[in-house]
C-alpha cells in the first residue's frame, strides 16, 4: 500500500492511510488504525528498499538508484 500510495503522489503515511481507508476499505478490511499502519510501514523499510532496487534493475535505472 505504501509503495502504491507514493506512486499516486501521497508523501505521508497519513495521506496514504487516509486514501486507502476512504477508497479501498472493502479490499483492506483489516487496515486498522493509522498509527499501526505507520508502525508497520516503518518496520518494512528493508523490504521496500529491496523492492525499489529490484524495480530499478529491471527497468535499467539502477545506475541512478540510491543504494
PDB file of N, CA and C in Angstrom:
ATOM      1  N   UNK A   1       0.821  -1.185   0.000  1.00  0.00           N
ATOM      2  CA  UNK A   1       0.000   0.000   0.000  1.00  0.00           C
ATOM      3  C   UNK A   1       0.865   1.249   0.000  1.00  0.00           C
ATOM      4  N   UNK A   2       1.941   1.212   0.760  1.00  0.00           N
ATOM      5  CA  UNK A   2       2.779   2.403   0.845  1.00  0.00           C
ATOM      6  C   UNK A   2       3.438   2.708  -0.497  1.00  0.00           C
ATOM      7  N   UNK A   3       3.927   1.684  -1.177  1.00  0.00           N
ATOM      8  CA  UNK A   3       4.570   1.883  -2.473  1.00  0.00           C
ATOM      9  C   UNK A   3       3.567   2.448  -3.474  1.00  0.00           C
ATOM     10  N   UNK A   4       2.372   1.888  -3.515  1.00  0.00           N
ATOM     11  CA  UNK A   4       1.330   2.377  -4.418  1.00  0.00           C
ATOM     12  C   UNK A   4       0.921   3.797  -4.039  1.00  0.00           C
ATOM     13  N   UNK A   5       0.764   4.052  -2.754  1.00  0.00           N
ATOM     14  CA  UNK A   5       0.397   5.393  -2.302  1.00  0.00           C
ATOM     15  C   UNK A   5       1.413   6.438  -2.710  1.00  0.00           C
ATOM     16  N   UNK A   6       2.698   6.101  -2.587  1.00  0.00           N
ATOM     17  CA  UNK A   6       3.742   7.036  -3.007  1.00  0.00           C
ATOM     18  C   UNK A   6       3.709   7.230  -4.514  1.00  0.00           C
ATOM     19  N   UNK A   7       3.456   6.156  -5.258  1.00  0.00           N
ATOM     20  CA  UNK A   7       3.334   6.262  -6.714  1.00  0.00           C
ATOM     21  C   UNK A   7       2.182   7.193  -7.092  1.00  0.00           C
ATOM     22  N   UNK A   8       1.109   7.161  -6.309  1.00  0.00           N
ATOM     23  CA  UNK A   8      -0.049   8.018  -6.571  1.00  0.00           C
ATOM     24  C   UNK A   8       0.172   9.465  -6.137  1.00  0.00           C
ATOM     25  N   UNK A   9       1.296   9.741  -5.496  1.00  0.00           N
ATOM     26  CA  UNK A   9       1.624  11.114  -5.128  1.00  0.00           C
ATOM     27  C   UNK A   9       1.444  11.464  -3.669  1.00  0.00           C
ATOM     28  N   UNK A  10       1.111  10.484  -2.849  1.00  0.00           N
ATOM     29  CA  UNK A  10       0.973  10.742  -1.413  1.00  0.00           C
ATOM     30  C   UNK A  10       2.347  10.612  -0.761  1.00  0.00           C
ATOM     31  N   UNK A  11       2.740  11.622  -0.006  1.00  0.00           N
ATOM     32  CA  UNK A  11       4.101  11.623   0.546  1.00  0.00           C
ATOM     33  C   UNK A  11       4.149  11.379   2.050  1.00  0.00           C
ATOM     34  N   UNK A  12       2.996  11.154   2.668  1.00  0.00           N
ATOM     35  CA  UNK A  12       2.977  10.908   4.112  1.00  0.00           C
ATOM     36  C   UNK A  12       2.188   9.643   4.418  1.00  0.00           C
ATOM     37  N   UNK A  13       2.519   9.023   5.546  1.00  0.00           N
ATOM     38  CA  UNK A  13       1.753   7.854   5.988  1.00  0.00           C
ATOM     39  C   UNK A  13       0.290   8.221   6.190  1.00  0.00           C
ATOM     40  N   UNK A  14       0.053   9.413   6.728  1.00  0.00           N
ATOM     41  CA  UNK A  14      -1.324   9.862   6.960  1.00  0.00           C
ATOM     42  C   UNK A  14      -2.092   9.958   5.643  1.00  0.00           C
ATOM     43  N   UNK A  15      -1.468  10.535   4.629  1.00  0.00           N
ATOM     44  CA  UNK A  15      -2.126  10.664   3.329  1.00  0.00           C
ATOM     45  C   UNK A  15      -2.420   9.319   2.696  1.00  0.00           C
ATOM     46  N   UNK A  16      -1.452   8.409   2.772  1.00  0.00           N
ATOM     47  CA  UNK A  16      -1.627   7.075   2.196  1.00  0.00           C
ATOM     48  C   UNK A  16      -2.723   6.318   2.933  1.00  0.00           C
ATOM     49  N   UNK A  17      -2.662   6.335   4.260  1.00  0.00           N
ATOM     50  CA  UNK A  17      -3.662   5.623   5.051  1.00  0.00           C
ATOM     51  C   UNK A  17      -5.058   6.200   4.802  1.00  0.00           C
ATOM     52  N   UNK A  18      -5.169   7.520   4.776  1.00  0.00           N
ATOM     53  CA  UNK A  18      -6.468   8.168   4.555  1.00  0.00           C
ATOM     54  C   UNK A  18      -7.038   7.783   3.195  1.00  0.00           C
ATOM     55  N   UNK A  19      -6.200   7.794   2.167  1.00  0.00           N
ATOM     56  CA  UNK A  19      -6.656   7.424   0.825  1.00  0.00           C
ATOM     57  C   UNK A  19      -7.201   5.996   0.805  1.00  0.00           C
ATOM     58  N   UNK A  20      -6.404   5.050   1.311  1.00  0.00           N
ATOM     59  CA  UNK A  20      -6.845   3.654   1.291  1.00  0.00           C
ATOM     60  C   UNK A  20      -8.033   3.421   2.220  1.00  0.00           C
ATOM     61  N   UNK A  21      -8.086   4.109   3.323  1.00  0.00           N
ATOM     62  CA  UNK A  21      -9.208   3.974   4.252  1.00  0.00           C
ATOM     63  C   UNK A  21     -10.512   4.455   3.609  1.00  0.00           C
ATOM     64  N   UNK A  22     -10.449   5.529   2.836  1.00  0.00           N
ATOM     65  CA  UNK A  22     -11.658   6.077   2.214  1.00  0.00           C
ATOM     66  C   UNK A  22     -12.054   5.357   0.925  1.00  0.00           C
ATOM     67  N   UNK A  23     -11.078   4.933   0.127  1.00  0.00           N
ATOM     68  CA  UNK A  23     -11.386   4.427  -1.209  1.00  0.00           C
ATOM     69  C   UNK A  23     -11.265   2.916  -1.380  1.00  0.00           C
ATOM     70  N   UNK A  24     -10.536   2.236  -0.514  1.00  0.00           N
ATOM     71  CA  UNK A  24     -10.276   0.813  -0.692  1.00  0.00           C
ATOM     72  C   UNK A  24     -10.552   0.006   0.571  1.00  0.00           C
ATOM     73  N   UNK A  25     -11.351   0.530   1.467  1.00  0.00           N
ATOM     74  CA  UNK A  25     -11.598  -0.120   2.761  1.00  0.00           C
ATOM     75  C   UNK A  25     -12.139  -1.543   2.603  1.00  0.00           C
ATOM     76  N   UNK A  26     -13.020  -1.770   1.632  1.00  0.00           N
ATOM     77  CA  UNK A  26     -13.581  -3.120   1.488  1.00  0.00           C
ATOM     78  C   UNK A  26     -12.536  -4.114   0.974  1.00  0.00           C
ATOM     79  N   UNK A  27     -11.487  -3.659   0.323  1.00  0.00           N
ATOM     80  CA  UNK A  27     -10.396  -4.529  -0.111  1.00  0.00           C
ATOM     81  C   UNK A  27      -9.416  -4.791   1.025  1.00  0.00           C
ATOM     82  N   UNK A  28      -9.388  -3.883   2.012  1.00  0.00           N
ATOM     83  CA  UNK A  28      -8.482  -3.997   3.154  1.00  0.00           C
ATOM     84  C   UNK A  28      -9.268  -3.881   4.459  1.00  0.00           C
ATOM     85  N   UNK A  29     -10.118  -4.870   4.756  1.00  0.00           N
ATOM     86  CA  UNK A  29     -10.977  -4.764   5.945  1.00  0.00           C
ATOM     87  C   UNK A  29     -10.203  -4.751   7.259  1.00  0.00           C
ATOM     88  N   UNK A  30      -8.998  -5.273   7.273  1.00  0.00           N
ATOM     89  CA  UNK A  30      -8.188  -5.286   8.490  1.00  0.00           C
ATOM     90  C   UNK A  30      -7.173  -4.160   8.531  1.00  0.00           C
ATOM     91  N   UNK A  31      -7.452  -3.071   7.835  1.00  0.00           N
ATOM     92  CA  UNK A  31      -6.497  -1.973   7.727  1.00  0.00           C
ATOM     93  C   UNK A  31      -6.057  -1.444   9.080  1.00  0.00           C
ATOM     94  N   UNK A  32      -6.945  -1.335  10.007  1.00  0.00           N
ATOM     95  CA  UNK A  32      -6.573  -0.881  11.345  1.00  0.00           C
ATOM     96  C   UNK A  32      -6.347   0.610  11.422  1.00  0.00           C
ATOM     97  N   UNK A  33      -5.720   1.028  12.499  1.00  0.00           N
ATOM     98  CA  UNK A  33      -5.519   2.457  12.752  1.00  0.00           C
ATOM     99  C   UNK A  33      -4.349   3.000  11.943  1.00  0.00           C
ATOM    100  N   UNK A  34      -4.328   4.316  11.815  1.00  0.00           N
ATOM    101  CA  UNK A  34      -3.227   4.977  11.115  1.00  0.00           C
ATOM    102  C   UNK A  34      -1.909   4.758  11.853  1.00  0.00           C
ATOM    103  N   UNK A  35      -1.959   4.772  13.180  1.00  0.00           N
ATOM    104  CA  UNK A  35      -0.737   4.562  13.970  1.00  0.00           C
ATOM    105  C   UNK A  35      -0.137   3.182  13.698  1.00  0.00           C
ATOM    106  N   UNK A  36      -0.977   2.156  13.654  1.00  0.00           N
ATOM    107  CA  UNK A  36      -0.479   0.806  13.362  1.00  0.00           C
ATOM    108  C   UNK A  36       0.044   0.701  11.936  1.00  0.00           C
ATOM    109  N   UNK A  37      -0.651   1.349  10.999  1.00  0.00           N
ATOM    110  CA  UNK A  37      -0.183   1.357   9.613  1.00  0.00           C
ATOM    111  C   UNK A  37       1.203   1.994   9.527  1.00  0.00           C
ATOM    112  N   UNK A  38       1.381   3.130  10.183  1.00  0.00           N
ATOM    113  CA  UNK A  38       2.671   3.832  10.157  1.00  0.00           C
ATOM    114  C   UNK A  38       3.773   2.977  10.777  1.00  0.00           C
ATOM    115  N   UNK A  39       3.458   2.296  11.867  1.00  0.00           N
ATOM    116  CA  UNK A  39       4.451   1.448  12.529  1.00  0.00           C
ATOM    117  C   UNK A  39       4.849   0.276  11.627  1.00  0.00           C
ATOM    118  N   UNK A  40       3.867  -0.363  11.014  1.00  0.00           N
ATOM    119  CA  UNK A  40       4.159  -1.492  10.135  1.00  0.00           C
ATOM    120  C   UNK A  40       4.929  -1.040   8.899  1.00  0.00           C
ATOM    121  N   UNK A  41       4.543   0.102   8.341  1.00  0.00           N
ATOM    122  CA  UNK A  41       5.248   0.634   7.173  1.00  0.00           C
ATOM    123  C   UNK A  41       6.699   0.932   7.517  1.00  0.00           C
ATOM    124  N   UNK A  42       6.920   1.481   8.683  1.00  0.00           N
ATOM    125  CA  UNK A  42       8.278   1.788   9.129  1.00  0.00           C
ATOM    126  C   UNK A  42       9.098   0.517   9.314  1.00  0.00           C
ATOM    127  N   UNK A  43       8.489  -0.506   9.850  1.00  0.00           N
ATOM    128  CA  UNK A  43       9.193  -1.768  10.088  1.00  0.00           C
ATOM    129  C   UNK A  43       9.559  -2.501   8.797  1.00  0.00           C
ATOM    130  N   UNK A  44       8.915  -2.143   7.694  1.00  0.00           N
ATOM    131  CA  UNK A  44       9.163  -2.820   6.416  1.00  0.00           C
ATOM    132  C   UNK A  44      10.143  -2.062   5.524  1.00  0.00           C
ATOM    133  N   UNK A  45      10.923  -1.145   6.070  1.00  0.00           N
ATOM    134  CA  UNK A  45      11.800  -0.313   5.243  1.00  0.00           C
ATOM    135  C   UNK A  45      12.801  -1.135   4.443  1.00  0.00           C
ATOM    136  N   UNK A  46      13.301  -2.227   4.992  1.00  0.00           N
ATOM    137  CA  UNK A  46      14.278  -3.047   4.264  1.00  0.00           C
ATOM    138  C   UNK A  46      13.613  -3.710   3.058  1.00  0.00           C
ATOM    139  N   UNK A  47      12.405  -4.201   3.248  1.00  0.00           N
ATOM    140  CA  UNK A  47      11.668  -4.842   2.159  1.00  0.00           C
ATOM    141  C   UNK A  47      11.405  -3.830   1.049  1.00  0.00           C
ATOM    142  N   UNK A  48      10.998  -2.617   1.421  1.00  0.00           N
ATOM    143  CA  UNK A  48      10.727  -1.575   0.422  1.00  0.00           C
ATOM    144  C   UNK A  48      11.997  -1.191  -0.331  1.00  0.00           C
ATOM    145  N   UNK A  49      13.113  -1.125   0.370  1.00  0.00           N
ATOM    146  CA  UNK A  49      14.377  -0.790  -0.279  1.00  0.00           C
ATOM    147  C   UNK A  49      14.750  -1.865  -1.301  1.00  0.00           C
ATOM    148  N   UNK A  50      14.599  -3.130  -0.925  1.00  0.00           N
ATOM    149  CA  UNK A  50      14.911  -4.235  -1.840  1.00  0.00           C
ATOM    150  C   UNK A  50      13.990  -4.211  -3.060  1.00  0.00           C
ATOM    151  N   UNK A  51      12.712  -3.918  -2.850  1.00  0.00           N
ATOM    152  CA  UNK A  51      11.757  -3.832  -3.954  1.00  0.00           C
ATOM    153  C   UNK A  51      12.147  -2.708  -4.910  1.00  0.00           C
ATOM    154  N   UNK A  52      12.512  -1.555  -4.368  1.00  0.00           N
ATOM    155  CA  UNK A  52      12.925  -0.434  -5.213  1.00  0.00           C
ATOM    156  C   UNK A  52      14.186  -0.778  -5.998  1.00  0.00           C
ATOM    157  N   UNK A  53      15.141  -1.442  -5.372  1.00  0.00           N
ATOM    158  CA  UNK A  53      16.360  -1.852  -6.067  1.00  0.00           C
ATOM    159  C   UNK A  53      16.038  -2.811  -7.209  1.00  0.00           C
ATOM    160  N   UNK A  54      15.171  -3.780  -6.933  1.00  0.00           N
ATOM    161  CA  UNK A  54      14.814  -4.767  -7.958  1.00  0.00           C
ATOM    162  C   UNK A  54      14.108  -4.100  -9.137  1.00  0.00           C
ATOM    163  N   UNK A  55      13.190  -3.193  -8.852  1.00  0.00           N
ATOM    164  CA  UNK A  55      12.495  -2.486  -9.927  1.00  0.00           C
ATOM    165  C   UNK A  55      13.456  -1.606 -10.722  1.00  0.00           C
ATOM    166  N   UNK A  56      14.384  -0.953 -10.031  1.00  0.00           N
ATOM    167  CA  UNK A  56      15.369  -0.114 -10.716  1.00  0.00           C
ATOM    168  C   UNK A  56      16.233  -0.957 -11.651  1.00  0.00           C
ATOM    169  N   UNK A  57      16.651  -2.131 -11.186  1.00  0.00           N
ATOM    170  CA  UNK A  57      17.450  -3.023 -12.036  1.00  0.00           C
ATOM    171  C   UNK A  57      16.620  -3.513 -13.223  1.00  0.00           C
ATOM    172  N   UNK A  58      15.384  -3.893 -12.963  1.00  0.00           N
ATOM    173  CA  UNK A  58      14.502  -4.418 -14.000  1.00  0.00           C
ATOM    174  C   UNK A  58      14.295  -3.411 -15.123  1.00  0.00           C
ATOM    175  N   UNK A  59      14.168  -2.140 -14.771  1.00  0.00           N
ATOM    176  CA  UNK A  59      13.905  -1.102 -15.763  1.00  0.00           C
ATOM    177  C   UNK A  59      15.157  -0.342 -16.187  1.00  0.00           C
ATOM    178  N   UNK A  60      16.329  -0.863 -15.833  1.00  0.00           N
ATOM    179  CA  UNK A  60      17.575  -0.263 -16.265  1.00  0.00           C
ATOM    180  C   UNK A  60      17.881   1.080 -15.635  1.00  0.00           C
ATOM    181  N   UNK A  61      17.350   1.331 -14.464  1.00  0.00           N
ATOM    182  CA  UNK A  61      17.550   2.611 -13.791  1.00  0.00           C
ATOM    183  C   UNK A  61      18.477   2.495 -12.597  1.00  0.00           C
ATOM    184  N   UNK A  62      19.078   1.334 -12.416  1.00  0.00           N
ATOM    185  CA  UNK A  62      19.853   1.097 -11.198  1.00  0.00           C
ATOM    186  C   UNK A  62      21.047   2.024 -11.064  1.00  0.00           C
ATOM    187  N   UNK A  63      21.646   2.444 -12.173  1.00  0.00           N
ATOM    188  CA  UNK A  63      22.821   3.307 -12.071  1.00  0.00           C
ATOM    189  C   UNK A  63      22.479   4.650 -11.438  1.00  0.00           C
ATOM    190  N   UNK A  64      21.189   5.039 -11.434  1.00  0.00           N
ATOM    191  CA  UNK A  64      20.767   6.276 -10.789  1.00  0.00           C
ATOM    192  C   UNK A  64      20.159   6.030  -9.413  1.00  0.00           C
ATOM    193  N   UNK A  65      19.987   4.782  -9.068  1.00  0.00           N
ATOM    194  CA  UNK A  65      19.346   4.456  -7.787  1.00  0.00           C
ATOM    195  C   UNK A  65      20.278   4.773  -6.625  1.00  0.00           C
ATOM    196  N   UNK A  66      19.693   5.235  -5.547  1.00  0.00           N
ATOM    197  CA  UNK A  66      20.447   5.474  -4.323  1.00  0.00           C
ATOM    198  C   UNK A  66      20.435   4.184  -3.530  1.00  0.00           C
ATOM    199  N   UNK A  67      21.596   3.669  -3.239  1.00  0.00           N
ATOM    200  CA  UNK A  67      21.686   2.382  -2.539  1.00  0.00           C
ATOM    201  C   UNK A  67      22.189   2.601  -1.141  1.00  0.00           C
TER     202      UNK A  67
END
